[in-house]
Amino acid sequence: MKVLYFAWVRERVGKLEEEVVPPASVATVGELIAWLAARGEGYAHAFENPRVIRAAIDRAHVRADAAIAGARDPIAMAHAMRLAVEAGRLAWQAGRIPRKMYASASSPLEGLVGR
C-alpha cells in the first residue's frame, strides 16, 4: 500500500511517500496510524496525536474507523491535498490586506482597456 505524507507529518517522517505492508491485523485508518507510529522515532513524533491526522482514501476524506482494504487511487487525492496545503501556506505568508473604514478598489482603474 502506498502512503503519502504531507506538511509537518512529511517533515517529521522525512519522506514524501513510501510503500508499506502492514500486518493483516491493521484494518482501519486509525490502526494504520498506530502501526506507523510504532515504526520509529520520527513516525512516533509525527503521529503522536492521532486526532489531528487527516486521511483520504480514493479521493475522499475518511475517519479513523474507515477500512483501508480495497483502496484504489491514493495519488490523485494526494496531489490535490499537497496543492491545497501549499496554497494555504502561501496565503498565510502573504498576510492580510490592511483593513479600511470604507471599501475601495484594490486594482487601479486607470490603464484599463476601454477607459
PDB file of N, CA and C in Angstrom:
ATOM      1  N   MET A   1       0.850  -1.158   0.000  1.00  0.00           N
ATOM      2  CA  MET A   1       0.000   0.000   0.000  1.00  0.00           C
ATOM      3  C   MET A   1       0.903   1.230   0.000  1.00  0.00           C
ATOM      4  N   LYS A   2       0.528   2.209  -0.794  1.00  0.00           N
ATOM      5  CA  LYS A   2       1.292   3.447  -0.848  1.00  0.00           C
ATOM      6  C   LYS A   2       0.707   4.426   0.166  1.00  0.00           C
ATOM      7  N   VAL A   3       1.595   5.004   0.980  1.00  0.00           N
ATOM      8  CA  VAL A   3       1.201   6.001   1.961  1.00  0.00           C
ATOM      9  C   VAL A   3       1.908   7.297   1.583  1.00  0.00           C
ATOM     10  N   LEU A   4       1.143   8.378   1.537  1.00  0.00           N
ATOM     11  CA  LEU A   4       1.691   9.693   1.194  1.00  0.00           C
ATOM     12  C   LEU A   4       1.613  10.581   2.425  1.00  0.00           C
ATOM     13  N   TYR A   5       2.662  11.365   2.643  1.00  0.00           N
ATOM     14  CA  TYR A   5       2.731  12.227   3.815  1.00  0.00           C
ATOM     15  C   TYR A   5       2.733  13.687   3.384  1.00  0.00           C
ATOM     16  N   PHE A   6       2.111  14.557   4.210  1.00  0.00           N
ATOM     17  CA  PHE A   6       2.012  15.976   3.896  1.00  0.00           C
ATOM     18  C   PHE A   6       2.400  16.827   5.089  1.00  0.00           C
ATOM     19  N   ALA A   7       2.766  18.063   4.784  1.00  0.00           N
ATOM     20  CA  ALA A   7       3.026  19.117   5.770  1.00  0.00           C
ATOM     21  C   ALA A   7       3.975  18.640   6.860  1.00  0.00           C
ATOM     22  N   TRP A   8       3.623  18.872   8.112  1.00  0.00           N
ATOM     23  CA  TRP A   8       4.543  18.555   9.201  1.00  0.00           C
ATOM     24  C   TRP A   8       4.728  17.064   9.394  1.00  0.00           C
ATOM     25  N   VAL A   9       3.767  16.225   8.980  1.00  0.00           N
ATOM     26  CA  VAL A   9       3.964  14.772   9.056  1.00  0.00           C
ATOM     27  C   VAL A   9       5.119  14.392   8.134  1.00  0.00           C
ATOM     28  N   ARG A  10       5.121  14.940   6.928  1.00  0.00           N
ATOM     29  CA  ARG A  10       6.199  14.674   5.961  1.00  0.00           C
ATOM     30  C   ARG A  10       7.542  15.127   6.527  1.00  0.00           C
ATOM     31  N   GLU A  11       7.563  16.285   7.152  1.00  0.00           N
ATOM     32  CA  GLU A  11       8.816  16.796   7.716  1.00  0.00           C
ATOM     33  C   GLU A  11       9.337  15.899   8.839  1.00  0.00           C
ATOM     34  N   ARG A  12       8.450  15.415   9.669  1.00  0.00           N
ATOM     35  CA  ARG A  12       8.867  14.593  10.806  1.00  0.00           C
ATOM     36  C   ARG A  12       9.258  13.184  10.386  1.00  0.00           C
ATOM     37  N   VAL A  13       8.546  12.622   9.403  1.00  0.00           N
ATOM     38  CA  VAL A  13       8.862  11.280   8.919  1.00  0.00           C
ATOM     39  C   VAL A  13      10.094  11.320   8.020  1.00  0.00           C
ATOM     40  N   GLY A  14      10.249  12.424   7.281  1.00  0.00           N
ATOM     41  CA  GLY A  14      11.395  12.575   6.397  1.00  0.00           C
ATOM     42  C   GLY A  14      11.196  11.952   5.023  1.00  0.00           C
ATOM     43  N   LYS A  15       9.952  11.694   4.650  1.00  0.00           N
ATOM     44  CA  LYS A  15       9.639  11.080   3.353  1.00  0.00           C
ATOM     45  C   LYS A  15       8.381  11.708   2.775  1.00  0.00           C
ATOM     46  N   LEU A  16       8.323  11.766   1.444  1.00  0.00           N
ATOM     47  CA  LEU A  16       7.101  12.211   0.772  1.00  0.00           C
ATOM     48  C   LEU A  16       6.085  11.085   0.708  1.00  0.00           C
ATOM     49  N   GLU A  17       6.579   9.890   0.441  1.00  0.00           N
ATOM     50  CA  GLU A  17       5.709   8.719   0.301  1.00  0.00           C
ATOM     51  C   GLU A  17       6.529   7.467   0.530  1.00  0.00           C
ATOM     52  N   GLU A  18       5.832   6.371   0.748  1.00  0.00           N
ATOM     53  CA  GLU A  18       6.508   5.083   0.855  1.00  0.00           C
ATOM     54  C   GLU A  18       5.504   3.958   0.660  1.00  0.00           C
ATOM     55  N   GLU A  19       6.030   2.825   0.259  1.00  0.00           N
ATOM     56  CA  GLU A  19       5.233   1.608   0.148  1.00  0.00           C
ATOM     57  C   GLU A  19       5.370   0.858   1.465  1.00  0.00           C
ATOM     58  N   VAL A  20       4.247   0.495   2.071  1.00  0.00           N
ATOM     59  CA  VAL A  20       4.275  -0.242   3.331  1.00  0.00           C
ATOM     60  C   VAL A  20       3.415  -1.493   3.195  1.00  0.00           C
ATOM     61  N   VAL A  21       3.749  -2.480   4.002  1.00  0.00           N
ATOM     62  CA  VAL A  21       2.956  -3.705   4.061  1.00  0.00           C
ATOM     63  C   VAL A  21       2.590  -3.923   5.521  1.00  0.00           C
ATOM     64  N   PRO A  22       1.456  -3.334   5.944  1.00  0.00           N
ATOM     65  CA  PRO A  22       1.065  -3.507   7.347  1.00  0.00           C
ATOM     66  C   PRO A  22       0.595  -4.945   7.595  1.00  0.00           C
ATOM     67  N   PRO A  23       0.655  -5.394   8.837  1.00  0.00           N
ATOM     68  CA  PRO A  23       0.172  -6.744   9.153  1.00  0.00           C
ATOM     69  C   PRO A  23      -1.328  -6.867   8.902  1.00  0.00           C
ATOM     70  N   ALA A  24      -1.802  -8.072   8.778  1.00  0.00           N
ATOM     71  CA  ALA A  24      -3.219  -8.328   8.497  1.00  0.00           C
ATOM     72  C   ALA A  24      -4.133  -7.771   9.588  1.00  0.00           C
ATOM     73  N   SER A  25      -3.615  -7.585  10.777  1.00  0.00           N
ATOM     74  CA  SER A  25      -4.433  -7.071  11.879  1.00  0.00           C
ATOM     75  C   SER A  25      -4.754  -5.584  11.718  1.00  0.00           C
ATOM     76  N   VAL A  26      -4.067  -4.891  10.825  1.00  0.00           N
ATOM     77  CA  VAL A  26      -4.315  -3.463  10.577  1.00  0.00           C
ATOM     78  C   VAL A  26      -5.404  -3.351   9.519  1.00  0.00           C
ATOM     79  N   ALA A  27      -6.610  -2.947   9.946  1.00  0.00           N
ATOM     80  CA  ALA A  27      -7.752  -2.928   9.031  1.00  0.00           C
ATOM     81  C   ALA A  27      -8.361  -1.553   8.828  1.00  0.00           C
ATOM     82  N   THR A  28      -8.054  -0.604   9.711  1.00  0.00           N
ATOM     83  CA  THR A  28      -8.657   0.726   9.612  1.00  0.00           C
ATOM     84  C   THR A  28      -7.566   1.804   9.538  1.00  0.00           C
ATOM     85  N   VAL A  29      -7.989   3.011   9.207  1.00  0.00           N
ATOM     86  CA  VAL A  29      -7.057   4.138   9.156  1.00  0.00           C
ATOM     87  C   VAL A  29      -6.435   4.366  10.534  1.00  0.00           C
ATOM     88  N   GLY A  30      -7.225   4.310  11.579  1.00  0.00           N
ATOM     89  CA  GLY A  30      -6.708   4.502  12.936  1.00  0.00           C
ATOM     90  C   GLY A  30      -5.666   3.463  13.309  1.00  0.00           C
ATOM     91  N   GLU A  31      -5.917   2.217  12.941  1.00  0.00           N
ATOM     92  CA  GLU A  31      -4.950   1.150  13.218  1.00  0.00           C
ATOM     93  C   GLU A  31      -3.680   1.341  12.392  1.00  0.00           C
ATOM     94  N   LEU A  32      -3.823   1.834  11.165  1.00  0.00           N
ATOM     95  CA  LEU A  32      -2.658   2.113  10.326  1.00  0.00           C
ATOM     96  C   LEU A  32      -1.807   3.219  10.952  1.00  0.00           C
ATOM     97  N   ILE A  33      -2.451   4.263  11.459  1.00  0.00           N
ATOM     98  CA  ILE A  33      -1.728   5.361  12.113  1.00  0.00           C
ATOM     99  C   ILE A  33      -0.972   4.834  13.332  1.00  0.00           C
ATOM    100  N   ALA A  34      -1.618   3.992  14.135  1.00  0.00           N
ATOM    101  CA  ALA A  34      -0.962   3.417  15.316  1.00  0.00           C
ATOM    102  C   ALA A  34       0.218   2.541  14.902  1.00  0.00           C
ATOM    103  N   TRP A  35       0.048   1.768  13.843  1.00  0.00           N
ATOM    104  CA  TRP A  35       1.128   0.903  13.362  1.00  0.00           C
ATOM    105  C   TRP A  35       2.294   1.739  12.842  1.00  0.00           C
ATOM    106  N   LEU A  36       1.992   2.802  12.097  1.00  0.00           N
ATOM    107  CA  LEU A  36       3.050   3.674  11.590  1.00  0.00           C
ATOM    108  C   LEU A  36       3.793   4.349  12.742  1.00  0.00           C
ATOM    109  N   ALA A  37       3.065   4.766  13.776  1.00  0.00           N
ATOM    110  CA  ALA A  37       3.681   5.439  14.921  1.00  0.00           C
ATOM    111  C   ALA A  37       4.706   4.559  15.620  1.00  0.00           C
ATOM    112  N   ALA A  38       4.537   3.249  15.519  1.00  0.00           N
ATOM    113  CA  ALA A  38       5.446   2.314  16.176  1.00  0.00           C
ATOM    114  C   ALA A  38       6.678   1.990  15.337  1.00  0.00           C
ATOM    115  N   ARG A  39       6.809   2.609  14.163  1.00  0.00           N
ATOM    116  CA  ARG A  39       7.912   2.275  13.258  1.00  0.00           C
ATOM    117  C   ARG A  39       9.217   2.989  13.572  1.00  0.00           C
ATOM    118  N   GLY A  40       9.221   3.940  14.461  1.00  0.00           N
ATOM    119  CA  GLY A  40      10.466   4.632  14.792  1.00  0.00           C
ATOM    120  C   GLY A  40      10.193   5.985  15.410  1.00  0.00           C
ATOM    121  N   GLU A  41      11.277   6.654  15.784  1.00  0.00           N
ATOM    122  CA  GLU A  41      11.159   7.923  16.494  1.00  0.00           C
ATOM    123  C   GLU A  41      10.472   9.011  15.664  1.00  0.00           C
ATOM    124  N   GLY A  42      10.860   9.164  14.392  1.00  0.00           N
ATOM    125  CA  GLY A  42      10.241  10.169  13.529  1.00  0.00           C
ATOM    126  C   GLY A  42       8.759   9.906  13.337  1.00  0.00           C
ATOM    127  N   TYR A  43       8.397   8.638  13.154  1.00  0.00           N
ATOM    128  CA  TYR A  43       6.988   8.276  12.991  1.00  0.00           C
ATOM    129  C   TYR A  43       6.218   8.532  14.284  1.00  0.00           C
ATOM    130  N   ALA A  44       6.824   8.171  15.417  1.00  0.00           N
ATOM    131  CA  ALA A  44       6.157   8.383  16.703  1.00  0.00           C
ATOM    132  C   ALA A  44       5.891   9.872  16.920  1.00  0.00           C
ATOM    133  N   HIS A  45       6.872  10.706  16.560  1.00  0.00           N
ATOM    134  CA  HIS A  45       6.704  12.151  16.708  1.00  0.00           C
ATOM    135  C   HIS A  45       5.623  12.672  15.763  1.00  0.00           C
ATOM    136  N   ALA A  46       5.598  12.171  14.525  1.00  0.00           N
ATOM    137  CA  ALA A  46       4.621  12.632  13.525  1.00  0.00           C
ATOM    138  C   ALA A  46       3.191  12.241  13.900  1.00  0.00           C
ATOM    139  N   PHE A  47       3.033  11.060  14.480  1.00  0.00           N
ATOM    140  CA  PHE A  47       1.693  10.552  14.776  1.00  0.00           C
ATOM    141  C   PHE A  47       1.375  10.548  16.270  1.00  0.00           C
ATOM    142  N   GLU A  48       2.038  11.432  17.038  1.00  0.00           N
ATOM    143  CA  GLU A  48       1.834  11.432  18.483  1.00  0.00           C
ATOM    144  C   GLU A  48       0.415  11.829  18.890  1.00  0.00           C
ATOM    145  N   ASN A  49      -0.277  12.590  18.057  1.00  0.00           N
ATOM    146  CA  ASN A  49      -1.656  12.972  18.353  1.00  0.00           C
ATOM    147  C   ASN A  49      -2.534  12.550  17.173  1.00  0.00           C
ATOM    148  N   PRO A  50      -3.022  11.314  17.158  1.00  0.00           N
ATOM    149  CA  PRO A  50      -3.779  10.812  16.012  1.00  0.00           C
ATOM    150  C   PRO A  50      -5.044  11.602  15.691  1.00  0.00           C
ATOM    151  N   ARG A  51      -5.586  12.335  16.659  1.00  0.00           N
ATOM    152  CA  ARG A  51      -6.814  13.096  16.415  1.00  0.00           C
ATOM    153  C   ARG A  51      -6.623  14.219  15.402  1.00  0.00           C
ATOM    154  N   VAL A  52      -5.398  14.706  15.233  1.00  0.00           N
ATOM    155  CA  VAL A  52      -5.174  15.808  14.298  1.00  0.00           C
ATOM    156  C   VAL A  52      -4.749  15.317  12.906  1.00  0.00           C
ATOM    157  N   ILE A  53      -4.569  14.022  12.744  1.00  0.00           N
ATOM    158  CA  ILE A  53      -4.176  13.457  11.451  1.00  0.00           C
ATOM    159  C   ILE A  53      -5.421  13.303  10.583  1.00  0.00           C
ATOM    160  N   ARG A  54      -5.354  13.768   9.350  1.00  0.00           N
ATOM    161  CA  ARG A  54      -6.451  13.618   8.393  1.00  0.00           C
ATOM    162  C   ARG A  54      -6.004  12.658   7.298  1.00  0.00           C
ATOM    163  N   ALA A  55      -6.907  11.801   6.877  1.00  0.00           N
ATOM    164  CA  ALA A  55      -6.576  10.799   5.865  1.00  0.00           C
ATOM    165  C   ALA A  55      -7.598  10.830   4.738  1.00  0.00           C
ATOM    166  N   ALA A  56      -7.149  10.387   3.576  1.00  0.00           N
ATOM    167  CA  ALA A  56      -8.034  10.278   2.412  1.00  0.00           C
ATOM    168  C   ALA A  56      -7.789   8.933   1.749  1.00  0.00           C
ATOM    169  N   ILE A  57      -8.862   8.311   1.337  1.00  0.00           N
ATOM    170  CA  ILE A  57      -8.789   7.063   0.579  1.00  0.00           C
ATOM    171  C   ILE A  57      -9.632   7.250  -0.668  1.00  0.00           C
ATOM    172  N   ASP A  58      -9.048   6.957  -1.824  1.00  0.00           N
ATOM    173  CA  ASP A  58      -9.753   7.080  -3.105  1.00  0.00           C
ATOM    174  C   ASP A  58     -10.439   8.435  -3.269  1.00  0.00           C
ATOM    175  N   ARG A  59      -9.688   9.495  -3.034  1.00  0.00           N
ATOM    176  CA  ARG A  59     -10.128  10.873  -3.258  1.00  0.00           C
ATOM    177  C   ARG A  59     -11.218  11.353  -2.316  1.00  0.00           C
ATOM    178  N   ALA A  60     -11.382  10.706  -1.184  1.00  0.00           N
ATOM    179  CA  ALA A  60     -12.399  11.131  -0.217  1.00  0.00           C
ATOM    180  C   ALA A  60     -11.799  11.117   1.185  1.00  0.00           C
ATOM    181  N   HIS A  61     -12.052  12.183   1.940  1.00  0.00           N
ATOM    182  CA  HIS A  61     -11.592  12.198   3.324  1.00  0.00           C
ATOM    183  C   HIS A  61     -12.343  11.131   4.097  1.00  0.00           C
ATOM    184  N   VAL A  62     -11.637  10.466   4.996  1.00  0.00           N
ATOM    185  CA  VAL A  62     -12.244   9.397   5.786  1.00  0.00           C
ATOM    186  C   VAL A  62     -11.907   9.576   7.258  1.00  0.00           C
ATOM    187  N   ARG A  63     -12.716   8.949   8.096  1.00  0.00           N
ATOM    188  CA  ARG A  63     -12.482   8.973   9.534  1.00  0.00           C
ATOM    189  C   ARG A  63     -11.535   7.843   9.910  1.00  0.00           C
ATOM    190  N   ALA A  64     -11.108   7.853  11.162  1.00  0.00           N
ATOM    191  CA  ALA A  64     -10.148   6.857  11.641  1.00  0.00           C
ATOM    192  C   ALA A  64     -10.702   5.437  11.617  1.00  0.00           C
ATOM    193  N   ASP A  65     -12.025   5.293  11.642  1.00  0.00           N
ATOM    194  CA  ASP A  65     -12.604   3.942  11.639  1.00  0.00           C
ATOM    195  C   ASP A  65     -12.864   3.404  10.231  1.00  0.00           C
ATOM    196  N   ALA A  66     -12.437   4.125   9.196  1.00  0.00           N
ATOM    197  CA  ALA A  66     -12.636   3.676   7.812  1.00  0.00           C
ATOM    198  C   ALA A  66     -11.702   2.520   7.480  1.00  0.00           C
ATOM    199  N   ALA A  67     -12.232   1.554   6.748  1.00  0.00           N
ATOM    200  CA  ALA A  67     -11.430   0.396   6.336  1.00  0.00           C
ATOM    201  C   ALA A  67     -10.437   0.794   5.257  1.00  0.00           C
ATOM    202  N   ILE A  68      -9.224   0.228   5.328  1.00  0.00           N
ATOM    203  CA  ILE A  68      -8.208   0.546   4.332  1.00  0.00           C
ATOM    204  C   ILE A  68      -8.155  -0.489   3.211  1.00  0.00           C
ATOM    205  N   ALA A  69      -8.851  -1.601   3.375  1.00  0.00           N
ATOM    206  CA  ALA A  69      -8.849  -2.639   2.342  1.00  0.00           C
ATOM    207  C   ALA A  69      -9.518  -2.128   1.071  1.00  0.00           C
ATOM    208  N   GLY A  70      -8.917  -2.404  -0.071  1.00  0.00           N
ATOM    209  CA  GLY A  70      -9.520  -2.045  -1.347  1.00  0.00           C
ATOM    210  C   GLY A  70      -9.262  -0.630  -1.807  1.00  0.00           C
ATOM    211  N   ALA A  71      -8.407   0.123  -1.141  1.00  0.00           N
ATOM    212  CA  ALA A  71      -8.092   1.482  -1.596  1.00  0.00           C
ATOM    213  C   ALA A  71      -7.454   1.398  -2.976  1.00  0.00           C
ATOM    214  N   ARG A  72      -7.968   2.210  -3.918  1.00  0.00           N
ATOM    215  CA  ARG A  72      -7.519   2.106  -5.302  1.00  0.00           C
ATOM    216  C   ARG A  72      -6.645   3.261  -5.755  1.00  0.00           C
ATOM    217  N   ASP A  73      -6.947   4.491  -5.379  1.00  0.00           N
ATOM    218  CA  ASP A  73      -6.301   5.639  -6.013  1.00  0.00           C
ATOM    219  C   ASP A  73      -5.861   6.695  -5.008  1.00  0.00           C
ATOM    220  N   PRO A  74      -4.749   6.467  -4.288  1.00  0.00           N
ATOM    221  CA  PRO A  74      -4.339   7.473  -3.319  1.00  0.00           C
ATOM    222  C   PRO A  74      -3.635   8.670  -3.940  1.00  0.00           C
ATOM    223  N   ILE A  75      -3.066   8.522  -5.128  1.00  0.00           N
ATOM    224  CA  ILE A  75      -2.197   9.555  -5.681  1.00  0.00           C
ATOM    225  C   ILE A  75      -2.965  10.807  -6.097  1.00  0.00           C
ATOM    226  N   ALA A  76      -4.112  10.674  -6.734  1.00  0.00           N
ATOM    227  CA  ALA A  76      -4.855  11.846  -7.205  1.00  0.00           C
ATOM    228  C   ALA A  76      -5.248  12.754  -6.042  1.00  0.00           C
ATOM    229  N   MET A  77      -5.744  12.188  -4.974  1.00  0.00           N
ATOM    230  CA  MET A  77      -6.128  12.998  -3.825  1.00  0.00           C
ATOM    231  C   MET A  77      -4.891  13.595  -3.176  1.00  0.00           C
ATOM    232  N   ALA A  78      -3.829  12.835  -3.166  1.00  0.00           N
ATOM    233  CA  ALA A  78      -2.605  13.310  -2.552  1.00  0.00           C
ATOM    234  C   ALA A  78      -2.104  14.573  -3.243  1.00  0.00           C
ATOM    235  N   HIS A  79      -2.145  14.596  -4.553  1.00  0.00           N
ATOM    236  CA  HIS A  79      -1.675  15.767  -5.291  1.00  0.00           C
ATOM    237  C   HIS A  79      -2.549  16.985  -4.968  1.00  0.00           C
ATOM    238  N   ALA A  80      -3.853  16.792  -4.948  1.00  0.00           N
ATOM    239  CA  ALA A  80      -4.756  17.897  -4.634  1.00  0.00           C
ATOM    240  C   ALA A  80      -4.534  18.396  -3.208  1.00  0.00           C
ATOM    241  N   MET A  81      -4.323  17.490  -2.278  1.00  0.00           N
ATOM    242  CA  MET A  81      -4.084  17.881  -0.887  1.00  0.00           C
ATOM    243  C   MET A  81      -2.774  18.655  -0.769  1.00  0.00           C
ATOM    244  N   ARG A  82      -1.736  18.211  -1.481  1.00  0.00           N
ATOM    245  CA  ARG A  82      -0.450  18.906  -1.422  1.00  0.00           C
ATOM    246  C   ARG A  82      -0.597  20.338  -1.929  1.00  0.00           C
ATOM    247  N   LEU A  83      -1.311  20.499  -3.039  1.00  0.00           N
ATOM    248  CA  LEU A  83      -1.508  21.840  -3.588  1.00  0.00           C
ATOM    249  C   LEU A  83      -2.319  22.716  -2.638  1.00  0.00           C
ATOM    250  N   ALA A  84      -3.311  22.125  -1.982  1.00  0.00           N
ATOM    251  CA  ALA A  84      -4.122  22.887  -1.029  1.00  0.00           C
ATOM    252  C   ALA A  84      -3.278  23.341   0.157  1.00  0.00           C
ATOM    253  N   VAL A  85      -2.423  22.472   0.644  1.00  0.00           N
ATOM    254  CA  VAL A  85      -1.547  22.831   1.768  1.00  0.00           C
ATOM    255  C   VAL A  85      -0.591  23.937   1.354  1.00  0.00           C
ATOM    256  N   GLU A  86      -0.007  23.814   0.164  1.00  0.00           N
ATOM    257  CA  GLU A  86       0.917  24.841  -0.319  1.00  0.00           C
ATOM    258  C   GLU A  86       0.200  26.179  -0.514  1.00  0.00           C
ATOM    259  N   ALA A  87      -1.018  26.148  -1.053  1.00  0.00           N
ATOM    260  CA  ALA A  87      -1.781  27.384  -1.261  1.00  0.00           C
ATOM    261  C   ALA A  87      -2.102  28.054   0.072  1.00  0.00           C
ATOM    262  N   GLY A  88      -2.491  27.281   1.050  1.00  0.00           N
ATOM    263  CA  GLY A  88      -2.785  27.825   2.366  1.00  0.00           C
ATOM    264  C   GLY A  88      -1.561  28.450   3.006  1.00  0.00           C
ATOM    265  N   ARG A  89      -0.426  27.794   2.863  1.00  0.00           N
ATOM    266  CA  ARG A  89       0.817  28.321   3.431  1.00  0.00           C
ATOM    267  C   ARG A  89       1.211  29.636   2.753  1.00  0.00           C
ATOM    268  N   LEU A  90       1.108  29.680   1.416  1.00  0.00           N
ATOM    269  CA  LEU A  90       1.438  30.902   0.687  1.00  0.00           C
ATOM    270  C   LEU A  90       0.505  32.046   1.079  1.00  0.00           C
ATOM    271  N   ALA A  91      -0.779  31.747   1.249  1.00  0.00           N
ATOM    272  CA  ALA A  91      -1.736  32.784   1.661  1.00  0.00           C
ATOM    273  C   ALA A  91      -1.398  33.304   3.052  1.00  0.00           C
ATOM    274  N   TRP A  92      -1.032  32.408   3.947  1.00  0.00           N
ATOM    275  CA  TRP A  92      -0.667  32.819   5.303  1.00  0.00           C
ATOM    276  C   TRP A  92       0.583  33.694   5.280  1.00  0.00           C
ATOM    277  N   GLN A  93       1.572  33.313   4.470  1.00  0.00           N
ATOM    278  CA  GLN A  93       2.806  34.091   4.384  1.00  0.00           C
ATOM    279  C   GLN A  93       2.560  35.469   3.776  1.00  0.00           C
ATOM    280  N   ALA A  94       1.625  35.571   2.834  1.00  0.00           N
ATOM    281  CA  ALA A  94       1.335  36.855   2.187  1.00  0.00           C
ATOM    282  C   ALA A  94       0.695  37.836   3.172  1.00  0.00           C
ATOM    283  N   GLY A  95      -0.031  37.331   4.131  1.00  0.00           N
ATOM    284  CA  GLY A  95      -0.673  38.197   5.124  1.00  0.00           C
ATOM    285  C   GLY A  95      -1.989  38.757   4.622  1.00  0.00           C
ATOM    286  N   ARG A  96      -2.657  39.469   5.488  1.00  0.00           N
ATOM    287  CA  ARG A  96      -3.952  40.033   5.116  1.00  0.00           C
ATOM    288  C   ARG A  96      -3.791  41.395   4.467  1.00  0.00           C
ATOM    289  N   ILE A  97      -4.786  41.740   3.701  1.00  0.00           N
ATOM    290  CA  ILE A  97      -4.885  43.087   3.153  1.00  0.00           C
ATOM    291  C   ILE A  97      -5.256  43.995   4.318  1.00  0.00           C
ATOM    292  N   PRO A  98      -4.647  45.166   4.407  1.00  0.00           N
ATOM    293  CA  PRO A  98      -4.972  46.059   5.533  1.00  0.00           C
ATOM    294  C   PRO A  98      -6.462  46.408   5.578  1.00  0.00           C
ATOM    295  N   ARG A  99      -6.992  46.461   6.790  1.00  0.00           N
ATOM    296  CA  ARG A  99      -8.403  46.834   6.968  1.00  0.00           C
ATOM    297  C   ARG A  99      -8.584  48.318   6.694  1.00  0.00           C
ATOM    298  N   LYS A 100      -9.742  48.649   6.102  1.00  0.00           N
ATOM    299  CA  LYS A 100     -10.067  50.049   5.818  1.00  0.00           C
ATOM    300  C   LYS A 100     -11.459  50.343   6.356  1.00  0.00           C
ATOM    301  N   MET A 101     -11.722  51.617   6.582  1.00  0.00           N
ATOM    302  CA  MET A 101     -13.027  52.030   7.071  1.00  0.00           C
ATOM    303  C   MET A 101     -14.086  51.831   5.987  1.00  0.00           C
ATOM    304  N   TYR A 102     -13.706  52.106   4.720  1.00  0.00           N
ATOM    305  CA  TYR A 102     -14.645  52.003   3.613  1.00  0.00           C
ATOM    306  C   TYR A 102     -14.031  51.145   2.514  1.00  0.00           C
ATOM    307  N   ALA A 103     -14.882  50.545   1.708  1.00  0.00           N
ATOM    308  CA  ALA A 103     -14.407  49.710   0.608  1.00  0.00           C
ATOM    309  C   ALA A 103     -13.780  50.571  -0.480  1.00  0.00           C
ATOM    310  N   SER A 104     -12.763  50.032  -1.133  1.00  0.00           N
ATOM    311  CA  SER A 104     -12.147  50.705  -2.277  1.00  0.00           C
ATOM    312  C   SER A 104     -11.582  49.629  -3.199  1.00  0.00           C
ATOM    313  N   ALA A 105     -11.462  49.975  -4.459  1.00  0.00           N
ATOM    314  CA  ALA A 105     -10.943  49.008  -5.426  1.00  0.00           C
ATOM    315  C   ALA A 105      -9.503  48.670  -5.082  1.00  0.00           C
ATOM    316  N   SER A 106      -9.164  47.405  -5.161  1.00  0.00           N
ATOM    317  CA  SER A 106      -7.794  47.009  -4.857  1.00  0.00           C
ATOM    318  C   SER A 106      -6.898  47.133  -6.088  1.00  0.00           C
ATOM    319  N   SER A 107      -7.503  47.291  -7.264  1.00  0.00           N
ATOM    320  CA  SER A 107      -6.758  47.480  -8.503  1.00  0.00           C
ATOM    321  C   SER A 107      -7.094  48.851  -9.061  1.00  0.00           C
ATOM    322  N   PRO A 108      -6.118  49.532  -9.664  1.00  0.00           N
ATOM    323  CA  PRO A 108      -6.401  50.854 -10.232  1.00  0.00           C
ATOM    324  C   PRO A 108      -7.305  50.733 -11.459  1.00  0.00           C
ATOM    325  N   LEU A 109      -8.116  51.775 -11.660  1.00  0.00           N
ATOM    326  CA  LEU A 109      -8.997  51.783 -12.824  1.00  0.00           C
ATOM    327  C   LEU A 109      -8.306  52.403 -14.038  1.00  0.00           C
ATOM    328  N   GLU A 110      -7.228  53.162 -13.824  1.00  0.00           N
ATOM    329  CA  GLU A 110      -6.509  53.769 -14.933  1.00  0.00           C
ATOM    330  C   GLU A 110      -5.794  52.694 -15.738  1.00  0.00           C
ATOM    331  N   GLY A 111      -5.735  52.878 -17.049  1.00  0.00           N
ATOM    332  CA  GLY A 111      -5.000  51.970 -17.898  1.00  0.00           C
ATOM    333  C   GLY A 111      -5.774  50.752 -18.349  1.00  0.00           C
ATOM    334  N   LEU A 112      -7.032  50.638 -17.956  1.00  0.00           N
ATOM    335  CA  LEU A 112      -7.842  49.517 -18.416  1.00  0.00           C
ATOM    336  C   LEU A 112      -8.277  49.756 -19.861  1.00  0.00           C
ATOM    337  N   VAL A 113      -8.423  48.705 -20.607  1.00  0.00           N
ATOM    338  CA  VAL A 113      -8.876  48.815 -21.994  1.00  0.00           C
ATOM    339  C   VAL A 113     -10.295  49.367 -21.989  1.00  0.00           C
ATOM    340  N   GLY A 114     -10.559  50.358 -22.849  1.00  0.00           N
ATOM    341  CA  GLY A 114     -11.896  50.937 -22.940  1.00  0.00           C
ATOM    342  C   GLY A 114     -12.110  52.088 -21.972  1.00  0.00           C
ATOM    343  N   ARG A 115     -11.103  52.538 -21.285  1.00  0.00           N
ATOM    344  CA  ARG A 115     -11.256  53.659 -20.357  1.00  0.00           C
ATOM    345  C   ARG A 115     -10.489  54.846 -20.837  1.00  0.00           C
TER     346      ARG A 115
END
